[in-house]
Amino acid sequence: MQIAVTNKLDESFKPVPKPNRDDWLRNHEEKGQTMKSFERTTSKAVP
């Protein structure tokens, strides 16, 4: 899973800009999420 979301990451996404004065993240600190946490909480939908 980690390879799928990190392969050629620089080519796939633009960097997240620094938050502006009125942006949520500027006023509310968030820790982020580890890959392990994401894998535990993501639903495992099967068609």
PDB file of N, CA and C in Angstrom:
ATOM      1  N   MET A   1       0.824  -1.194   0.000  1.00  0.00           N
ATOM      2  CA  MET A   1       0.000   0.000   0.000  1.00  0.00           C
ATOM      3  C   MET A   1       0.867   1.257   0.000  1.00  0.00           C
ATOM      4  N   GLN A   2       1.899   1.283   0.808  1.00  0.00           N
ATOM      5  CA  GLN A   2       2.706   2.495   0.896  1.00  0.00           C
ATOM      6  C   GLN A   2       3.374   2.813  -0.440  1.00  0.00           C
ATOM      7  N   ILE A   3       3.811   1.782  -1.160  1.00  0.00           N
ATOM      8  CA  ILE A   3       4.424   2.026  -2.459  1.00  0.00           C
ATOM      9  C   ILE A   3       3.420   2.672  -3.406  1.00  0.00           C
ATOM     10  N   ALA A   4       2.178   2.219  -3.358  1.00  0.00           N
ATOM     11  CA  ALA A   4       1.143   2.756  -4.241  1.00  0.00           C
ATOM     12  C   ALA A   4       0.904   4.239  -4.006  1.00  0.00           C
ATOM     13  N   VAL A   5       0.988   4.691  -2.793  1.00  0.00           N
ATOM     14  CA  VAL A   5       0.710   6.104  -2.511  1.00  0.00           C
ATOM     15  C   VAL A   5       1.962   6.979  -2.495  1.00  0.00           C
ATOM     16  N   THR A   6       3.150   6.375  -2.590  1.00  0.00           N
ATOM     17  CA  THR A   6       4.360   7.190  -2.587  1.00  0.00           C
ATOM     18  C   THR A   6       5.132   7.105  -3.895  1.00  0.00           C
ATOM     19  N   ASN A   7       4.764   6.206  -4.797  1.00  0.00           N
ATOM     20  CA  ASN A   7       5.465   6.059  -6.062  1.00  0.00           C
ATOM     21  C   ASN A   7       5.312   7.331  -6.900  1.00  0.00           C
ATOM     22  N   LYS A   8       6.436   7.954  -7.249  1.00  0.00           N
ATOM     23  CA  LYS A   8       6.446   9.187  -8.043  1.00  0.00           C
ATOM     24  C   LYS A   8       5.610  10.290  -7.401  1.00  0.00           C
ATOM     25  N   LEU A   9       5.670  10.381  -6.097  1.00  0.00           N
ATOM     26  CA  LEU A   9       4.881  11.356  -5.346  1.00  0.00           C
ATOM     27  C   LEU A   9       5.153  12.787  -5.810  1.00  0.00           C
ATOM     28  N   ASP A  10       6.415  13.103  -6.065  1.00  0.00           N
ATOM     29  CA  ASP A  10       6.758  14.461  -6.489  1.00  0.00           C
ATOM     30  C   ASP A  10       6.085  14.836  -7.802  1.00  0.00           C
ATOM     31  N   GLU A  11       5.861  13.857  -8.678  1.00  0.00           N
ATOM     32  CA  GLU A  11       5.248  14.124  -9.974  1.00  0.00           C
ATOM     33  C   GLU A  11       3.728  14.177  -9.883  1.00  0.00           C
ATOM     34  N   SER A  12       3.150  13.581  -8.860  1.00  0.00           N
ATOM     35  CA  SER A  12       1.703  13.439  -8.776  1.00  0.00           C
ATOM     36  C   SER A  12       1.000  14.599  -8.079  1.00  0.00           C
ATOM     37  N   PHE A  13       1.653  15.222  -7.132  1.00  0.00           N
ATOM     38  CA  PHE A  13       0.994  16.232  -6.307  1.00  0.00           C
ATOM     39  C   PHE A  13       1.841  17.488  -6.186  1.00  0.00           C
ATOM     40  N   LYS A  14       1.167  18.622  -6.141  1.00  0.00           N
ATOM     41  CA  LYS A  14       1.846  19.882  -5.852  1.00  0.00           C
ATOM     42  C   LYS A  14       2.005  19.983  -4.334  1.00  0.00           C
ATOM     43  N   PRO A  15       3.056  20.649  -3.851  1.00  0.00           N
ATOM     44  CA  PRO A  15       3.219  20.815  -2.403  1.00  0.00           C
ATOM     45  C   PRO A  15       2.030  21.578  -1.803  1.00  0.00           C
ATOM     46  N   VAL A  16       1.699  21.250  -0.579  1.00  0.00           N
ATOM     47  CA  VAL A  16       0.614  21.948   0.113  1.00  0.00           C
ATOM     48  C   VAL A  16       1.128  23.337   0.486  1.00  0.00           C
ATOM     49  N   PRO A  17       0.414  24.384   0.098  1.00  0.00           N
ATOM     50  CA  PRO A  17       0.884  25.735   0.427  1.00  0.00           C
ATOM     51  C   PRO A  17       0.741  26.022   1.920  1.00  0.00           C
ATOM     52  N   LYS A  18       1.535  26.959   2.403  1.00  0.00           N
ATOM     53  CA  LYS A  18       1.396  27.377   3.805  1.00  0.00           C
ATOM     54  C   LYS A  18       0.022  28.010   3.981  1.00  0.00           C
ATOM     55  N   PRO A  19      -0.633  27.749   5.115  1.00  0.00           N
ATOM     56  CA  PRO A  19      -1.982  28.293   5.313  1.00  0.00           C
ATOM     57  C   PRO A  19      -1.984  29.820   5.407  1.00  0.00           C
ATOM     58  N   ASN A  20      -3.033  30.410   4.864  1.00  0.00           N
ATOM     59  CA  ASN A  20      -3.229  31.861   4.961  1.00  0.00           C
ATOM     60  C   ASN A  20      -3.732  32.220   6.352  1.00  0.00           C
ATOM     61  N   ARG A  21      -3.820  33.500   6.629  1.00  0.00           N
ATOM     62  CA  ARG A  21      -4.218  33.994   7.955  1.00  0.00           C
ATOM     63  C   ARG A  21      -5.576  33.454   8.396  1.00  0.00           C
ATOM     64  N   ASP A  22      -6.522  33.308   7.480  1.00  0.00           N
ATOM     65  CA  ASP A  22      -7.875  32.872   7.836  1.00  0.00           C
ATOM     66  C   ASP A  22      -8.112  31.373   7.648  1.00  0.00           C
ATOM     67  N   ASP A  23      -7.097  30.617   7.245  1.00  0.00           N
ATOM     68  CA  ASP A  23      -7.270  29.180   7.012  1.00  0.00           C
ATOM     69  C   ASP A  23      -7.364  28.404   8.323  1.00  0.00           C
ATOM     70  N   TRP A  24      -8.096  27.300   8.271  1.00  0.00           N
ATOM     71  CA  TRP A  24      -8.300  26.435   9.435  1.00  0.00           C
ATOM     72  C   TRP A  24      -6.969  26.015  10.056  1.00  0.00           C
ATOM     73  N   LEU A  25      -6.042  25.524   9.252  1.00  0.00           N
ATOM     74  CA  LEU A  25      -4.790  25.000   9.795  1.00  0.00           C
ATOM     75  C   LEU A  25      -3.911  26.080  10.424  1.00  0.00           C
ATOM     76  N   ARG A  26      -4.109  27.303  10.066  1.00  0.00           N
ATOM     77  CA  ARG A  26      -3.342  28.394  10.665  1.00  0.00           C
ATOM     78  C   ARG A  26      -3.754  28.599  12.120  1.00  0.00           C
ATOM     79  N   ASN A  27      -5.016  28.283  12.420  1.00  0.00           N
ATOM     80  CA  ASN A  27      -5.571  28.535  13.750  1.00  0.00           C
ATOM     81  C   ASN A  27      -5.849  27.278  14.570  1.00  0.00           C
ATOM     82  N   HIS A  28      -5.737  26.100  13.954  1.00  0.00           N
ATOM     83  CA  HIS A  28      -6.027  24.838  14.639  1.00  0.00           C
ATOM     84  C   HIS A  28      -4.946  23.821  14.280  1.00  0.00           C
ATOM     85  N   GLU A  29      -4.085  23.516  15.222  1.00  0.00           N
ATOM     86  CA  GLU A  29      -2.999  22.579  14.967  1.00  0.00           C
ATOM     87  C   GLU A  29      -3.549  21.161  14.810  1.00  0.00           C
ATOM     88  N   GLU A  30      -3.115  20.475  13.755  1.00  0.00           N
ATOM     89  CA  GLU A  30      -3.487  19.076  13.547  1.00  0.00           C
ATOM     90  C   GLU A  30      -2.215  18.260  13.415  1.00  0.00           C
ATOM     91  N   LYS A  31      -2.209  17.068  14.029  1.00  0.00           N
ATOM     92  CA  LYS A  31      -1.013  16.237  14.060  1.00  0.00           C
ATOM     93  C   LYS A  31      -0.720  15.537  12.740  1.00  0.00           C
ATOM     94  N   GLY A  32      -1.737  15.274  11.944  1.00  0.00           N
ATOM     95  CA  GLY A  32      -1.529  14.479  10.744  1.00  0.00           C
ATOM     96  C   GLY A  32      -1.834  13.020  11.036  1.00  0.00           C
ATOM     97  N   GLN A  33      -1.485  12.135  10.119  1.00  0.00           N
ATOM     98  CA  GLN A  33      -1.829  10.724  10.257  1.00  0.00           C
ATOM     99  C   GLN A  33      -0.705   9.873   9.691  1.00  0.00           C
ATOM    100  N   THR A  34      -0.341   8.814  10.388  1.00  0.00           N
ATOM    101  CA  THR A  34       0.674   7.898   9.889  1.00  0.00           C
ATOM    102  C   THR A  34       0.040   6.926   8.903  1.00  0.00           C
ATOM    103  N   MET A  35       0.863   6.273   8.108  1.00  0.00           N
ATOM    104  CA  MET A  35       0.362   5.273   7.164  1.00  0.00           C
ATOM    105  C   MET A  35      -0.284   4.119   7.928  1.00  0.00           C
ATOM    106  N   LYS A  36       0.328   3.716   9.029  1.00  0.00           N
ATOM    107  CA  LYS A  36      -0.215   2.614   9.828  1.00  0.00           C
ATOM    108  C   LYS A  36      -1.613   2.964  10.355  1.00  0.00           C
ATOM    109  N   SER A  37      -1.792   4.175  10.842  1.00  0.00           N
ATOM    110  CA  SER A  37      -3.096   4.621  11.324  1.00  0.00           C
ATOM    111  C   SER A  37      -4.117   4.642  10.185  1.00  0.00           C
ATOM    112  N   PHE A  38      -3.713   5.127   9.022  1.00  0.00           N
ATOM    113  CA  PHE A  38      -4.593   5.160   7.853  1.00  0.00           C
ATOM    114  C   PHE A  38      -5.060   3.751   7.487  1.00  0.00           C
ATOM    115  N   GLU A  39      -4.131   2.797   7.472  1.00  0.00           N
ATOM    116  CA  GLU A  39      -4.482   1.418   7.113  1.00  0.00           C
ATOM    117  C   GLU A  39      -5.448   0.807   8.121  1.00  0.00           C
ATOM    118  N   ARG A  40      -5.309   1.150   9.399  1.00  0.00           N
ATOM    119  CA  ARG A  40      -6.201   0.593  10.425  1.00  0.00           C
ATOM    120  C   ARG A  40      -7.607   1.160  10.320  1.00  0.00           C
ATOM    121  N   THR A  41      -7.736   2.430   9.968  1.00  0.00           N
ATOM    122  CA  THR A  41      -9.044   3.078  10.008  1.00  0.00           C
ATOM    123  C   THR A  41      -9.773   3.101   8.670  1.00  0.00           C
ATOM    124  N   THR A  42      -9.070   2.845   7.582  1.00  0.00           N
ATOM    125  CA  THR A  42      -9.709   2.872   6.267  1.00  0.00           C
ATOM    126  C   THR A  42     -10.575   1.638   6.080  1.00  0.00           C
ATOM    127  N   SER A  43     -11.783   1.844   5.585  1.00  0.00           N
ATOM    128  CA  SER A  43     -12.679   0.701   5.370  1.00  0.00           C
ATOM    129  C   SER A  43     -12.125  -0.190   4.270  1.00  0.00           C
ATOM    130  N   LYS A  44     -12.372  -1.440   4.390  1.00  0.00           N
ATOM    131  CA  LYS A  44     -11.906  -2.423   3.418  1.00  0.00           C
ATOM    132  C   LYS A  44     -13.088  -2.857   2.553  1.00  0.00           C
ATOM    133  N   ALA A  45     -13.585  -1.964   1.714  1.00  0.00           N
ATOM    134  CA  ALA A  45     -14.747  -2.259   0.873  1.00  0.00           C
ATOM    135  C   ALA A  45     -14.398  -3.311  -0.175  1.00  0.00           C
ATOM    136  N   VAL A  46     -15.273  -4.271  -0.326  1.00  0.00           N
ATOM    137  CA  VAL A  46     -15.102  -5.322  -1.327  1.00  0.00           C
ATOM    138  C   VAL A  46     -16.345  -5.325  -2.203  1.00  0.00           C
ATOM    139  N   PRO A  47     -16.169  -5.214  -3.533  1.00  0.00           N
ATOM    140  CA  PRO A  47     -17.354  -5.194  -4.410  1.00  0.00           C
ATOM    141  C   PRO A  47     -18.112  -6.501  -4.407  1.00  0.00           C
TER     142      PRO A  47
END
